[in-house]
């Protein structure tokens, strides 16, 4: 079993990278960003977002009002320079081959939240290649109920540049919407897995309200673990 790695806090690399990427994103995609004013200014925050492409993480990290941390494949940390870079931006290295690895990833996320930081999770578990919002896994709900973190839904749009509006044939404008915190009060008192299922449903419903995606009860292809 892979051992858990204590997550690093974002350092100077994060701020330099964001300073470079933010104007570049504005230039390339002219993203619409909403909801920043209502973002919690302190305390642990769990961001739950839909997942369309690798650009999602960059977009959220660049426009969230606070420093954010996220999971990254452990292979990205190989080598001195790459390891220094990904740890410098606060990425959390994880293996993603088995259920035990998924549990270790959740524990790493819990460590980030317990430290009062902001952590990003994609409840679908994998990218949606057709633009639909797939069924959420229970890992994000477990994190929320185990830590008491404020849960903020995020809706990204237009980041998969291969997807086009079926009516106009155009690529949708890139957007990043931060929603109002999701009320999960009382769910941790429900028996068994009922609380996690209800929390997951509230998260996916809140995400869908921000994106307008068509929901499906199927799991995304390639998703595994929690």
Protein backbone atom coordinates (compact mmCIF):
# COMPACT_ATOMS: atom_id res chain seq x y z
CA UNK A 1 0.00 0.00 0.00
CA UNK A 2 1.26 3.45 -0.88
CA UNK A 3 2.02 5.59 2.15
CA UNK A 4 0.32 8.91 2.62
CA UNK A 5 2.36 12.01 1.89
CA UNK A 6 1.97 15.06 4.09
CA UNK A 7 0.73 17.78 1.73
CA UNK A 8 2.87 20.87 1.31
CA UNK A 9 1.37 24.34 1.57
CA UNK A 10 1.42 26.48 -1.60
CA UNK A 11 4.57 28.59 -1.73
CA UNK A 12 6.07 31.31 -3.89
CA UNK A 13 5.79 29.16 -7.00
CA UNK A 14 2.00 29.20 -6.66
CA UNK A 15 1.83 32.99 -6.56
CA UNK A 16 4.30 33.48 -9.40
CA UNK A 17 2.47 30.91 -11.51
CA UNK A 18 -0.89 32.52 -10.87
CA UNK A 19 0.51 35.96 -11.66
CA UNK A 20 1.66 34.64 -15.04
CA UNK A 21 -1.31 32.42 -15.86
CA UNK A 22 -4.16 34.76 -14.94
CA UNK A 23 -3.51 37.40 -17.62
CA UNK A 24 -2.71 34.63 -20.10
CA UNK A 25 -6.06 32.99 -19.42
CA UNK A 26 -7.83 36.33 -19.88
CA UNK A 27 -6.05 36.81 -23.19
CA UNK A 28 -6.72 33.32 -24.56
CA UNK A 29 -10.22 32.56 -23.26
CA UNK A 30 -11.84 35.76 -21.89
CA UNK A 31 -13.33 33.71 -19.03
CA UNK A 32 -16.45 34.81 -17.18
CA UNK A 33 -15.80 34.51 -13.46
CA UNK A 34 -18.65 34.91 -10.97
CA UNK A 35 -19.23 34.38 -7.25
CA UNK A 36 -15.83 35.48 -5.96
CA UNK A 37 -17.33 38.10 -3.64
CA UNK A 38 -19.22 35.48 -1.61
CA UNK A 39 -16.23 33.16 -1.24
CA UNK A 40 -15.40 32.36 2.43
CA UNK A 41 -12.45 34.49 3.48
CA UNK A 42 -11.16 32.06 6.10
CA UNK A 43 -11.47 28.52 7.39
CA UNK A 44 -11.39 25.21 5.52
CA UNK A 45 -13.21 25.24 2.18
CA UNK A 46 -13.95 22.22 0.00
CA UNK A 47 -14.48 23.19 -3.64
CA UNK A 48 -16.53 20.62 -5.58
CA UNK A 49 -16.49 21.07 -9.33
CA UNK A 50 -17.56 19.42 -12.54
CA UNK A 51 -14.67 18.18 -14.68
CA UNK A 52 -14.36 18.74 -18.43
CA UNK A 53 -10.62 19.03 -19.08
CA UNK A 54 -7.19 19.56 -17.56
CA UNK A 55 -7.80 23.29 -17.92
CA UNK A 56 -10.35 23.11 -15.06
CA UNK A 57 -7.69 22.92 -12.36
CA UNK A 58 -5.73 25.82 -13.84
CA UNK A 59 -8.86 27.94 -14.16
CA UNK A 60 -10.03 27.32 -10.59
CA UNK A 61 -6.58 27.84 -9.08
CA UNK A 62 -6.10 31.07 -11.02
CA UNK A 63 -9.42 32.71 -10.15
CA UNK A 64 -10.30 31.40 -6.68
CA UNK A 65 -9.91 34.24 -4.15
CA UNK A 66 -7.70 32.06 -1.94
CA UNK A 67 -4.85 29.62 -2.44
CA UNK A 68 -6.15 26.21 -3.46
CA UNK A 69 -4.69 22.72 -3.32
CA UNK A 70 -5.54 19.72 -5.43
CA UNK A 71 -4.55 16.15 -6.18
CA UNK A 72 -1.96 15.35 -8.83
CA UNK A 73 -0.63 12.04 -10.13
CA UNK A 74 2.42 10.92 -8.18
CA UNK A 75 4.32 10.41 -11.45
CA UNK A 76 4.28 14.17 -12.00
CA UNK A 77 6.54 14.57 -8.97
CA UNK A 78 9.37 12.46 -10.40
CA UNK A 79 12.58 14.39 -10.92
CA UNK A 80 13.97 17.22 -8.83
CA UNK A 81 12.61 20.11 -10.88
CA UNK A 82 9.12 18.74 -11.45
CA UNK A 83 8.86 17.63 -7.84
CA UNK A 84 9.94 21.09 -6.67
CA UNK A 85 7.38 22.76 -8.95
CA UNK A 86 4.35 20.66 -8.04
CA UNK A 87 5.11 20.78 -4.33
CA UNK A 88 5.64 24.53 -4.65
CA UNK A 89 2.11 25.01 -5.97
CA UNK A 90 0.71 22.88 -3.15
CA UNK A 91 -0.25 19.85 -5.23
CA UNK A 92 -0.86 16.62 -3.31
CA UNK A 93 0.80 13.53 -4.88
CA UNK A 94 -1.37 10.43 -5.07
CA UNK A 95 -1.44 7.07 -6.77
CA UNK A 96 -4.74 6.26 -8.47
CA UNK A 97 -4.56 2.55 -9.15
CA UNK A 98 -6.70 1.05 -6.41
CA UNK A 99 -9.34 1.68 -3.77
CA UNK A 100 -6.65 1.88 -1.08
CA UNK A 101 -4.91 4.62 -3.07
CA UNK A 102 -8.20 6.50 -3.29
CA UNK A 103 -8.57 6.33 0.48
CA UNK A 104 -5.07 7.71 0.90
CA UNK A 105 -5.99 10.55 -1.46
CA UNK A 106 -9.02 11.34 0.69
CA UNK A 107 -6.84 11.35 3.81
CA UNK A 108 -4.44 13.77 2.11
CA UNK A 109 -7.38 16.02 1.30
CA UNK A 110 -8.56 15.80 4.90
CA UNK A 111 -5.11 16.91 6.07
CA UNK A 112 -5.35 19.98 3.82
CA UNK A 113 -8.79 20.87 5.16
CA UNK A 114 -7.83 20.20 8.77
CA UNK A 115 -5.08 22.77 8.27
CA UNK A 116 -7.73 25.36 7.36
CA UNK A 117 -6.90 25.48 3.66
CA UNK A 118 -8.88 25.22 0.41
CA UNK A 119 -9.05 21.88 -1.39
CA UNK A 120 -10.49 21.10 -4.84
CA UNK A 121 -12.31 17.85 -5.60
CA UNK A 122 -13.99 16.63 -8.78
CA UNK A 123 -16.78 14.34 -7.49
CA UNK A 124 -17.27 12.73 -10.92
CA UNK A 125 -13.85 11.13 -10.47
CA UNK A 126 -12.85 11.56 -14.10
CA UNK A 127 -13.36 13.98 -16.96
CA UNK A 128 -16.64 14.12 -18.86
CA UNK A 129 -15.81 13.72 -22.53
CA UNK A 130 -19.34 14.38 -23.80
CA UNK A 131 -20.25 17.38 -21.66
CA UNK A 132 -22.77 15.59 -19.43
CA UNK A 133 -22.56 15.81 -15.62
CA UNK A 134 -21.87 12.29 -14.39
CA UNK A 135 -22.83 10.67 -11.12
CA UNK A 136 -20.85 11.93 -8.15
CA UNK A 137 -18.76 9.63 -5.99
CA UNK A 138 -19.00 9.77 -2.22
CA UNK A 139 -15.40 10.83 -1.47
CA UNK A 140 -16.16 14.56 -1.52
CA UNK A 141 -19.12 14.00 0.82
CA UNK A 142 -16.91 12.02 3.19
CA UNK A 143 -14.40 14.89 3.26
CA UNK A 144 -17.11 17.46 3.91
CA UNK A 145 -18.77 15.54 6.73
CA UNK A 146 -15.50 14.43 8.32
CA UNK A 147 -13.98 17.91 8.45
CA UNK A 148 -16.95 20.26 8.70
CA UNK A 149 -15.42 22.35 5.90
CA UNK A 150 -17.55 24.88 4.07
CA UNK A 151 -18.53 23.30 0.75
CA UNK A 152 -18.59 25.63 -2.24
CA UNK A 153 -19.79 24.34 -5.63
CA UNK A 154 -17.89 25.35 -8.74
CA UNK A 155 -19.21 25.22 -12.28
CA UNK A 156 -16.75 25.36 -15.17
CA UNK A 157 -17.91 25.77 -18.75
CA UNK A 158 -16.20 25.68 -22.14
CA UNK A 159 -12.91 24.21 -20.96
CA UNK A 160 -13.21 21.18 -23.23
CA UNK A 161 -12.55 22.99 -26.51
CA UNK A 162 -13.64 19.96 -28.56
CA UNK A 163 -17.25 20.35 -27.38
CA UNK A 164 -19.43 22.79 -29.30
CA UNK A 165 -22.95 24.09 -28.92
CA UNK A 166 -25.12 21.62 -30.90
CA UNK A 167 -27.37 24.46 -32.12
CA UNK A 168 -24.81 27.06 -33.15
CA UNK A 169 -21.75 24.85 -33.67
CA UNK A 170 -19.69 27.34 -31.67
CA UNK A 171 -17.42 26.71 -28.73
CA UNK A 172 -18.99 28.02 -25.53
CA UNK A 173 -17.22 30.81 -23.70
CA UNK A 174 -14.99 29.61 -20.87
CA UNK A 175 -16.49 30.35 -17.45
CA UNK A 176 -15.81 29.63 -13.80
CA UNK A 177 -18.74 30.12 -11.42
CA UNK A 178 -18.31 29.93 -7.64
CA UNK A 179 -21.67 29.19 -6.03
CA UNK A 180 -23.13 29.76 -2.59
CA UNK A 181 -22.06 27.36 0.19
CA UNK A 182 -24.06 24.13 0.30
CA UNK A 183 -26.02 23.44 3.47
CA UNK A 184 -25.05 19.97 4.76
CA UNK A 185 -26.15 20.53 8.35
CA UNK A 186 -27.48 17.44 10.10
CA UNK A 187 -26.31 14.97 7.46
CA UNK A 188 -23.48 13.59 9.58
CA UNK A 189 -26.11 12.35 12.04
CA UNK A 190 -27.84 10.13 9.48
CA UNK A 191 -27.20 6.38 9.80
CA UNK A 192 -24.83 4.45 7.58
CA UNK A 193 -24.10 5.95 4.19
CA UNK A 194 -27.35 7.93 3.98
CA UNK A 195 -25.63 11.19 4.92
CA UNK A 196 -22.92 10.78 2.27
CA UNK A 197 -25.46 9.94 -0.43
CA UNK A 198 -27.58 12.98 0.38
CA UNK A 199 -24.53 15.24 0.59
CA UNK A 200 -23.33 13.96 -2.80
CA UNK A 201 -26.74 14.61 -4.33
CA UNK A 202 -26.77 18.19 -2.99
CA UNK A 203 -23.30 18.79 -4.36
CA UNK A 204 -24.11 17.51 -7.84
CA UNK A 205 -27.39 19.43 -7.91
CA UNK A 206 -25.59 22.63 -6.95
CA UNK A 207 -22.95 22.09 -9.64
CA UNK A 208 -25.65 21.42 -12.26
CA UNK A 209 -27.42 24.66 -11.32
CA UNK A 210 -24.21 26.55 -12.15
CA UNK A 211 -23.41 24.78 -15.43
CA UNK A 212 -26.78 23.77 -16.88
CA UNK A 213 -25.32 20.38 -17.84
CA UNK A 214 -27.48 17.38 -18.52
CA UNK A 215 -27.14 14.98 -15.60
CA UNK A 216 -26.72 11.24 -15.86
CA UNK A 217 -26.71 8.60 -13.13
CA UNK A 218 -23.85 6.78 -14.86
CA UNK A 219 -20.33 6.99 -13.50
CA UNK A 220 -17.78 8.72 -15.71
CA UNK A 221 -15.63 6.37 -17.78
CA UNK A 222 -12.28 5.77 -16.13
CA UNK A 223 -13.34 6.88 -12.65
CA UNK A 224 -12.48 4.59 -9.77
CA UNK A 225 -12.23 4.44 -6.01
CA UNK A 226 -14.22 6.86 -3.84
